[in-house]
Every structure is written in structure tokens, then in C-alpha cells.
Amino acid sequence: MSQDSYLLRFWRLPQSDGWRVTLIGVLPDAPQYHFNTVEELLAFLTSAYLPAMETMMETLPWEETHPSLSNHQP
């Protein structure tokens, strides 16, 4: 299993309606990602991590580890 850690920073420009987002990797020399909207952040996270999460959920023994969720398997 791989793991990534980030600092998530939300900020606004003066006279701005929307939030901007910076995603900063916590490891030395980790990349920073800048987004003009929260929706852009969510699209990035979905494309970067959803396939791996779906694969992980398909391989987990749900009935053994999460009996209350056994009816909600993917």
C-alpha cells in the first residue's frame, strides 16, 4: 500500500467569490499543486486516487472486517 501526505491550504483573493486551493506534499522536494477552484481539487484527487481506492475496496474481505457494510460492497 502506498501513502501520500499533503497539507491542504484554502485561501481567497481580495474581492474574490471563490476559494483557491494549494495542495502541498509534506516530504522534502514534494510537488505543490495549485487549483483555482475546489472543484478542480476534487477532480485532481478523483483522477489520482479513485482507481487505486476502487481496486483496494474490491480486494478487501468486507464481511470479515466490516460486517455492518457487507450489504454495501462495490
Protein backbone atom coordinates (compact mmCIF):
# COMPACT_ATOMS: atom_id res chain seq x y z
CA MET A 1 0.00 0.00 0.00
CA SER A 2 1.33 3.41 -0.89
CA GLN A 3 0.53 6.53 1.08
CA ASP A 4 0.77 10.24 0.33
CA SER A 5 0.52 13.09 2.82
CA TYR A 6 -0.39 16.66 2.00
CA LEU A 7 -1.04 19.98 3.65
CA LEU A 8 -4.26 21.42 2.23
CA ARG A 9 -4.44 25.22 2.12
CA PHE A 10 -7.63 27.14 1.23
CA TRP A 11 -7.37 30.86 0.51
CA ARG A 12 -9.16 33.73 -1.22
CA LEU A 13 -8.04 36.78 -3.08
CA PRO A 14 -9.50 40.12 -2.01
CA GLN A 15 -12.79 40.78 -3.80
CA SER A 16 -13.00 37.12 -4.85
CA ASP A 17 -16.09 34.95 -4.63
CA GLY A 18 -14.39 31.58 -4.69
CA TRP A 19 -11.81 29.65 -2.76
CA ARG A 20 -8.45 28.73 -4.22
CA VAL A 21 -6.59 25.67 -3.05
CA THR A 22 -2.95 24.64 -2.71
CA LEU A 23 -2.07 21.02 -2.05
CA ILE A 24 1.46 20.78 -0.63
CA GLY A 25 3.28 17.48 -0.28
CA VAL A 26 4.89 17.16 3.15
CA LEU A 27 8.01 15.30 2.06
CA PRO A 28 11.13 17.25 1.06
CA ASP A 29 11.03 18.19 -2.64
CA ALA A 30 7.40 17.06 -2.89
CA PRO A 31 5.38 18.84 -5.56
CA GLN A 32 2.81 21.54 -4.92
CA TYR A 33 -0.47 21.60 -6.80
CA HIS A 34 -2.45 24.81 -7.28
CA PHE A 35 -6.16 24.90 -8.06
CA ASN A 36 -8.38 27.85 -8.95
CA THR A 37 -11.48 26.14 -7.53
CA VAL A 38 -12.39 23.44 -5.05
CA GLU A 39 -13.94 21.55 -7.97
CA GLU A 40 -10.52 21.41 -9.68
CA LEU A 41 -9.03 19.95 -6.47
CA LEU A 42 -11.74 17.29 -6.29
CA ALA A 43 -11.24 16.38 -9.96
CA PHE A 44 -7.49 16.00 -9.37
CA LEU A 45 -7.96 13.82 -6.29
CA THR A 46 -10.55 11.70 -8.08
CA SER A 47 -8.33 11.08 -11.08
CA ALA A 48 -5.22 10.50 -8.96
CA TYR A 49 -6.63 8.26 -6.23
CA LEU A 50 -10.05 6.82 -7.12
CA PRO A 51 -8.77 3.94 -9.30
CA ALA A 52 -6.46 2.74 -6.52
CA MET A 53 -9.21 3.07 -3.92
CA GLU A 54 -11.66 1.10 -6.06
CA THR A 55 -9.09 -1.68 -6.51
CA MET A 56 -8.41 -1.76 -2.79
CA MET A 57 -12.12 -1.94 -1.96
CA GLU A 58 -12.61 -4.85 -4.37
CA THR A 59 -9.89 -6.89 -2.67
CA LEU A 60 -10.81 -6.28 0.98
CA PRO A 61 -12.67 -9.02 2.85
CA TRP A 62 -15.62 -6.73 3.68
CA GLU A 63 -17.71 -9.27 5.57
CA GLU A 64 -14.85 -10.06 7.92
CA THR A 65 -13.59 -6.53 8.54
CA HIS A 66 -16.81 -4.50 8.17
CA PRO A 67 -19.84 -6.74 8.88
CA SER A 68 -22.20 -3.77 9.02
CA LEU A 69 -21.15 -2.76 5.49
CA SER A 70 -21.49 -6.18 3.88
CA ASN A 71 -24.63 -5.09 2.02
CA HIS A 72 -22.84 -2.06 0.58
CA GLN A 73 -20.00 -3.73 -1.28
CA PRO A 74 -18.85 -2.10 -4.52
